[in-house]
Amino acid sequence: MTLMVVLSVLAVVALIAGLAFYLFWVGSLLTRVATNLEESSESVSRIDSDAEKIEPGLQHINRSGATVAGALPLLYGFAENIVKGATPQPERPAVAVPASGRRQSRLMEAVGYRPLG
């Protein structure tokens, strides 16, 4: 009977030690997570302050972009009228011949081929 009691006590002690180790490990992980969150919170606040500084400039850019976008149909119409009045390019032959003439390959002669004709 005393052996069973001793083994039960040892099992309970091992279980408590395992749980203590697990809680210590989880606590250290949570501490690292908290540190990273604190650093990221500082980064977010810096980004937010930078965004507040450039917001008026962005609003001006958006207004300018809206003005340009509104003018695009008118500009497109002007471009169409200009293209209608332009002279077309002269037609080129279907196959362009180089100024130096056609180049004859000597590959066929090298292998002994002589075309008929």
N, C-alpha and C. Protein backbone atom coordinates (compact mmCIF):
# COMPACT_ATOMS: atom_id res chain seq x y z
N MET A 1 0.80 -1.18 0.00
CA MET A 1 0.00 0.00 0.00
C MET A 1 0.85 1.26 0.00
N THR A 2 1.94 1.25 0.72
CA THR A 2 2.80 2.43 0.75
C THR A 2 3.46 2.68 -0.59
N LEU A 3 3.73 1.61 -1.34
CA LEU A 3 4.32 1.77 -2.68
C LEU A 3 3.34 2.51 -3.60
N MET A 4 2.05 2.17 -3.52
CA MET A 4 1.03 2.84 -4.34
C MET A 4 0.92 4.32 -3.97
N VAL A 5 1.01 4.63 -2.72
CA VAL A 5 0.93 6.01 -2.26
C VAL A 5 2.13 6.79 -2.79
N VAL A 6 3.29 6.21 -2.67
CA VAL A 6 4.51 6.89 -3.15
C VAL A 6 4.44 7.12 -4.65
N LEU A 7 4.03 6.10 -5.39
CA LEU A 7 3.92 6.26 -6.85
C LEU A 7 2.85 7.28 -7.23
N SER A 8 1.77 7.35 -6.52
CA SER A 8 0.72 8.34 -6.77
C SER A 8 1.25 9.74 -6.51
N VAL A 9 1.97 9.90 -5.42
CA VAL A 9 2.54 11.22 -5.10
C VAL A 9 3.54 11.62 -6.16
N LEU A 10 4.37 10.68 -6.60
CA LEU A 10 5.34 10.99 -7.66
C LEU A 10 4.64 11.35 -8.97
N ALA A 11 3.55 10.68 -9.29
CA ALA A 11 2.80 11.00 -10.51
C ALA A 11 2.20 12.40 -10.43
N VAL A 12 1.65 12.74 -9.27
CA VAL A 12 1.06 14.07 -9.08
C VAL A 12 2.15 15.13 -9.16
N VAL A 13 3.30 14.88 -8.55
CA VAL A 13 4.42 15.83 -8.60
C VAL A 13 4.90 16.01 -10.04
N ALA A 14 5.00 14.91 -10.80
CA ALA A 14 5.43 15.00 -12.21
C ALA A 14 4.42 15.78 -13.03
N LEU A 15 3.12 15.54 -12.76
CA LEU A 15 2.08 16.28 -13.47
C LEU A 15 2.15 17.76 -13.16
N ILE A 16 2.33 18.11 -11.90
CA ILE A 16 2.42 19.52 -11.51
C ILE A 16 3.67 20.15 -12.11
N ALA A 17 4.80 19.42 -12.14
CA ALA A 17 6.03 19.95 -12.74
C ALA A 17 5.84 20.18 -14.24
N GLY A 18 5.18 19.23 -14.91
CA GLY A 18 4.92 19.39 -16.35
C GLY A 18 4.04 20.58 -16.63
N LEU A 19 2.99 20.76 -15.84
CA LEU A 19 2.11 21.91 -16.00
C LEU A 19 2.84 23.22 -15.72
N ALA A 20 3.72 23.22 -14.72
CA ALA A 20 4.48 24.43 -14.40
C ALA A 20 5.41 24.79 -15.56
N PHE A 21 6.08 23.79 -16.13
CA PHE A 21 6.95 24.04 -17.27
C PHE A 21 6.14 24.58 -18.45
N TYR A 22 4.97 23.97 -18.71
CA TYR A 22 4.12 24.41 -19.82
C TYR A 22 3.67 25.86 -19.61
N LEU A 23 3.25 26.19 -18.39
CA LEU A 23 2.81 27.56 -18.12
C LEU A 23 3.96 28.55 -18.25
N PHE A 24 5.16 28.16 -17.82
CA PHE A 24 6.32 29.04 -17.99
C PHE A 24 6.60 29.28 -19.47
N TRP A 25 6.53 28.23 -20.27
CA TRP A 25 6.79 28.34 -21.72
C TRP A 25 5.74 29.23 -22.40
N VAL A 26 4.47 29.03 -22.07
CA VAL A 26 3.39 29.85 -22.64
C VAL A 26 3.56 31.30 -22.20
N GLY A 27 3.95 31.52 -20.96
CA GLY A 27 4.16 32.89 -20.47
C GLY A 27 5.27 33.59 -21.23
N SER A 28 6.36 32.88 -21.52
CA SER A 28 7.46 33.51 -22.26
C SER A 28 7.03 33.83 -23.69
N LEU A 29 6.24 32.94 -24.31
CA LEU A 29 5.73 33.23 -25.66
C LEU A 29 4.82 34.45 -25.65
N LEU A 30 3.95 34.54 -24.66
CA LEU A 30 3.04 35.68 -24.59
C LEU A 30 3.80 36.98 -24.31
N THR A 31 4.88 36.90 -23.57
CA THR A 31 5.70 38.09 -23.33
C THR A 31 6.32 38.59 -24.63
N ARG A 32 6.82 37.65 -25.46
CA ARG A 32 7.38 38.04 -26.75
C ARG A 32 6.32 38.64 -27.66
N VAL A 33 5.13 38.06 -27.66
CA VAL A 33 4.04 38.59 -28.48
C VAL A 33 3.68 40.00 -28.02
N ALA A 34 3.60 40.21 -26.71
CA ALA A 34 3.27 41.53 -26.19
C ALA A 34 4.32 42.55 -26.58
N THR A 35 5.59 42.17 -26.54
CA THR A 35 6.66 43.08 -26.94
C THR A 35 6.54 43.44 -28.41
N ASN A 36 6.28 42.45 -29.27
CA ASN A 36 6.12 42.73 -30.70
C ASN A 36 4.91 43.62 -30.97
N LEU A 37 3.82 43.38 -30.25
CA LEU A 37 2.63 44.22 -30.43
C LEU A 37 2.89 45.66 -30.00
N GLU A 38 3.66 45.83 -28.95
CA GLU A 38 3.98 47.18 -28.49
C GLU A 38 4.82 47.92 -29.53
N GLU A 39 5.81 47.21 -30.10
CA GLU A 39 6.64 47.82 -31.14
C GLU A 39 5.81 48.15 -32.38
N SER A 40 4.90 47.26 -32.75
CA SER A 40 4.08 47.53 -33.93
C SER A 40 3.10 48.67 -33.66
N SER A 41 2.65 48.81 -32.44
CA SER A 41 1.77 49.92 -32.09
C SER A 41 2.50 51.25 -32.25
N GLU A 42 3.76 51.29 -31.86
CA GLU A 42 4.56 52.50 -32.05
C GLU A 42 4.74 52.80 -33.53
N SER A 43 4.96 51.77 -34.34
CA SER A 43 5.12 51.97 -35.78
C SER A 43 3.83 52.49 -36.40
N VAL A 44 2.70 51.96 -35.97
CA VAL A 44 1.42 52.40 -36.50
C VAL A 44 1.17 53.86 -36.14
N SER A 45 1.50 54.26 -34.93
CA SER A 45 1.29 55.66 -34.54
C SER A 45 2.20 56.59 -35.35
N ARG A 46 3.44 56.15 -35.66
CA ARG A 46 4.32 56.97 -36.51
C ARG A 46 3.76 57.09 -37.92
N ILE A 47 3.26 55.99 -38.46
CA ILE A 47 2.68 56.02 -39.81
C ILE A 47 1.45 56.91 -39.83
N ASP A 48 0.64 56.85 -38.79
CA ASP A 48 -0.56 57.68 -38.71
C ASP A 48 -0.20 59.16 -38.67
N SER A 49 0.84 59.52 -37.92
CA SER A 49 1.24 60.94 -37.87
C SER A 49 1.81 61.39 -39.22
N ASP A 50 2.53 60.51 -39.92
CA ASP A 50 3.03 60.86 -41.26
C ASP A 50 1.87 61.02 -42.24
N ALA A 51 0.86 60.18 -42.13
CA ALA A 51 -0.29 60.26 -43.03
C ALA A 51 -1.06 61.55 -42.82
N GLU A 52 -1.15 62.00 -41.57
CA GLU A 52 -1.84 63.27 -41.30
C GLU A 52 -1.12 64.44 -41.97
N LYS A 53 0.21 64.35 -42.06
CA LYS A 53 0.97 65.45 -42.67
C LYS A 53 0.77 65.51 -44.18
N ILE A 54 0.59 64.36 -44.84
CA ILE A 54 0.50 64.36 -46.30
C ILE A 54 -0.94 64.36 -46.80
N GLU A 55 -1.91 64.29 -45.91
CA GLU A 55 -3.31 64.23 -46.34
C GLU A 55 -3.74 65.44 -47.16
N PRO A 56 -3.39 66.70 -46.79
CA PRO A 56 -3.80 67.83 -47.62
C PRO A 56 -3.23 67.76 -49.05
N GLY A 57 -1.99 67.30 -49.17
CA GLY A 57 -1.40 67.16 -50.50
C GLY A 57 -2.12 66.11 -51.32
N LEU A 58 -2.52 65.01 -50.69
CA LEU A 58 -3.26 63.97 -51.40
C LEU A 58 -4.62 64.47 -51.87
N GLN A 59 -5.27 65.29 -51.05
CA GLN A 59 -6.55 65.84 -51.47
C GLN A 59 -6.38 66.74 -52.69
N HIS A 60 -5.29 67.51 -52.73
CA HIS A 60 -5.02 68.36 -53.89
C HIS A 60 -4.75 67.51 -55.13
N ILE A 61 -3.99 66.44 -54.97
CA ILE A 61 -3.69 65.55 -56.10
C ILE A 61 -4.98 64.91 -56.61
N ASN A 62 -5.86 64.50 -55.71
CA ASN A 62 -7.12 63.90 -56.13
C ASN A 62 -8.00 64.90 -56.89
N ARG A 63 -8.01 66.15 -56.43
CA ARG A 63 -8.79 67.17 -57.16
C ARG A 63 -8.21 67.40 -58.55
N SER A 64 -6.88 67.46 -58.64
CA SER A 64 -6.24 67.65 -59.95
C SER A 64 -6.50 66.46 -60.86
N GLY A 65 -6.45 65.27 -60.32
CA GLY A 65 -6.73 64.08 -61.11
C GLY A 65 -8.15 64.06 -61.62
N ALA A 66 -9.09 64.51 -60.81
CA ALA A 66 -10.49 64.57 -61.24
C ALA A 66 -10.65 65.57 -62.37
N THR A 67 -9.93 66.69 -62.31
CA THR A 67 -10.00 67.68 -63.38
C THR A 67 -9.46 67.11 -64.68
N VAL A 68 -8.34 66.42 -64.60
CA VAL A 68 -7.75 65.82 -65.81
C VAL A 68 -8.67 64.73 -66.35
N ALA A 69 -9.23 63.91 -65.48
CA ALA A 69 -10.13 62.85 -65.94
C ALA A 69 -11.36 63.44 -66.61
N GLY A 70 -11.83 64.57 -66.11
CA GLY A 70 -12.98 65.22 -66.74
C GLY A 70 -12.65 65.78 -68.12
N ALA A 71 -11.39 66.16 -68.33
CA ALA A 71 -10.99 66.74 -69.61
C ALA A 71 -10.63 65.69 -70.65
N LEU A 72 -10.47 64.45 -70.26
CA LEU A 72 -10.05 63.41 -71.20
C LEU A 72 -11.00 63.22 -72.39
N PRO A 73 -12.32 63.19 -72.20
CA PRO A 73 -13.18 63.05 -73.39
C PRO A 73 -13.00 64.18 -74.40
N LEU A 74 -12.84 65.40 -73.91
CA LEU A 74 -12.63 66.54 -74.81
C LEU A 74 -11.30 66.40 -75.54
N LEU A 75 -10.25 66.01 -74.83
CA LEU A 75 -8.95 65.82 -75.47
C LEU A 75 -9.00 64.69 -76.48
N TYR A 76 -9.74 63.64 -76.17
CA TYR A 76 -9.88 62.52 -77.09
C TYR A 76 -10.58 62.97 -78.37
N GLY A 77 -11.60 63.81 -78.24
CA GLY A 77 -12.29 64.34 -79.42
C GLY A 77 -11.36 65.19 -80.27
N PHE A 78 -10.55 66.04 -79.65
CA PHE A 78 -9.58 66.85 -80.40
C PHE A 78 -8.60 65.96 -81.15
N ALA A 79 -8.14 64.90 -80.50
CA ALA A 79 -7.19 64.00 -81.14
C ALA A 79 -7.83 63.30 -82.34
N GLU A 80 -9.09 62.90 -82.22
CA GLU A 80 -9.79 62.27 -83.34
C GLU A 80 -9.87 63.22 -84.52
N ASN A 81 -10.17 64.52 -84.27
CA ASN A 81 -10.25 65.49 -85.37
C ASN A 81 -8.90 65.71 -86.02
N ILE A 82 -7.83 65.69 -85.25
CA ILE A 82 -6.49 65.86 -85.80
C ILE A 82 -6.14 64.68 -86.68
N VAL A 83 -6.45 63.48 -86.26
CA VAL A 83 -6.11 62.27 -87.02
C VAL A 83 -6.90 62.23 -88.32
N LYS A 84 -8.16 62.69 -88.31
CA LYS A 84 -8.96 62.68 -89.53
C LYS A 84 -8.34 63.55 -90.62
N GLY A 85 -7.73 64.67 -90.22
CA GLY A 85 -7.14 65.58 -91.21
C GLY A 85 -5.73 65.22 -91.62
N ALA A 86 -5.12 64.25 -91.00
CA ALA A 86 -3.73 63.90 -91.32
C ALA A 86 -3.68 63.11 -92.62
N THR A 87 -2.57 63.26 -93.33
CA THR A 87 -2.41 62.48 -94.57
C THR A 87 -1.96 61.08 -94.22
N PRO A 88 -2.49 60.07 -94.90
CA PRO A 88 -2.09 58.70 -94.58
C PRO A 88 -0.69 58.41 -95.11
N GLN A 89 -0.09 57.38 -94.57
CA GLN A 89 1.23 56.94 -95.01
C GLN A 89 1.11 56.29 -96.39
N PRO A 90 2.08 56.50 -97.27
CA PRO A 90 2.02 55.81 -98.56
C PRO A 90 2.11 54.30 -98.35
N GLU A 91 1.46 53.56 -99.25
CA GLU A 91 1.47 52.11 -99.12
C GLU A 91 2.85 51.55 -99.44
N ARG A 92 3.25 50.60 -98.65
CA ARG A 92 4.53 49.93 -98.87
C ARG A 92 4.25 48.61 -99.56
N PRO A 93 5.24 48.10 -100.28
CA PRO A 93 5.03 46.79 -100.89
C PRO A 93 4.81 45.73 -99.82
N ALA A 94 4.14 44.66 -100.22
CA ALA A 94 3.81 43.61 -99.26
C ALA A 94 5.07 42.99 -98.65
N VAL A 95 6.11 42.82 -99.48
CA VAL A 95 7.37 42.28 -98.98
C VAL A 95 8.45 43.31 -99.25
N ALA A 96 9.06 43.80 -98.21
CA ALA A 96 10.10 44.81 -98.36
C ALA A 96 11.40 44.14 -98.78
N VAL A 97 12.09 44.74 -99.76
CA VAL A 97 13.36 44.22 -100.23
C VAL A 97 14.46 45.10 -99.66
N PRO A 98 15.49 44.53 -99.06
CA PRO A 98 16.57 45.35 -98.53
C PRO A 98 17.30 46.09 -99.64
N ALA A 99 17.89 47.23 -99.31
CA ALA A 99 18.60 48.04 -100.30
C ALA A 99 19.78 47.29 -100.89
N SER A 100 20.36 46.37 -100.15
CA SER A 100 21.52 45.63 -100.65
C SER A 100 21.10 44.48 -101.55
N GLY A 101 19.81 44.28 -101.74
CA GLY A 101 19.34 43.18 -102.57
C GLY A 101 19.09 41.95 -101.73
N ARG A 102 18.67 40.88 -102.37
CA ARG A 102 18.38 39.64 -101.64
C ARG A 102 19.68 38.90 -101.37
N ARG A 103 19.79 38.36 -100.22
CA ARG A 103 20.98 37.63 -99.83
C ARG A 103 20.80 36.17 -100.18
N GLN A 104 21.77 35.63 -100.85
CA GLN A 104 21.71 34.22 -101.23
C GLN A 104 22.45 33.39 -100.19
N SER A 105 21.82 32.36 -99.74
CA SER A 105 22.44 31.49 -98.76
C SER A 105 23.35 30.50 -99.47
N ARG A 106 24.50 30.25 -98.90
CA ARG A 106 25.44 29.28 -99.46
C ARG A 106 25.36 27.95 -98.74
N LEU A 107 24.39 27.83 -97.85
CA LEU A 107 24.25 26.60 -97.09
C LEU A 107 23.93 25.42 -98.00
N MET A 108 23.07 25.64 -99.00
CA MET A 108 22.71 24.55 -99.89
C MET A 108 23.92 24.09 -100.71
N GLU A 109 24.71 25.05 -101.17
CA GLU A 109 25.91 24.69 -101.95
C GLU A 109 26.89 23.91 -101.10
N ALA A 110 26.96 24.21 -99.81
CA ALA A 110 27.91 23.56 -98.92
C ALA A 110 27.60 22.08 -98.76
N VAL A 111 26.35 21.70 -98.89
CA VAL A 111 25.99 20.30 -98.73
C VAL A 111 25.81 19.61 -100.09
N GLY A 112 26.08 20.34 -101.19
CA GLY A 112 26.01 19.73 -102.50
C GLY A 112 24.67 19.78 -103.17
N TYR A 113 23.76 20.60 -102.69
CA TYR A 113 22.42 20.69 -103.29
C TYR A 113 22.45 21.75 -104.39
N ARG A 114 21.97 21.41 -105.56
CA ARG A 114 21.85 22.36 -106.66
C ARG A 114 20.39 22.38 -107.10
N PRO A 115 19.66 23.48 -106.89
CA PRO A 115 18.26 23.50 -107.30
C PRO A 115 18.14 23.50 -108.81
N LEU A 116 17.07 22.91 -109.31
CA LEU A 116 16.78 22.91 -110.75
C LEU A 116 16.21 24.26 -111.13
N GLY A 117 16.67 24.78 -112.24
CA GLY A 117 16.05 26.00 -112.72
C GLY A 117 16.91 27.15 -112.74
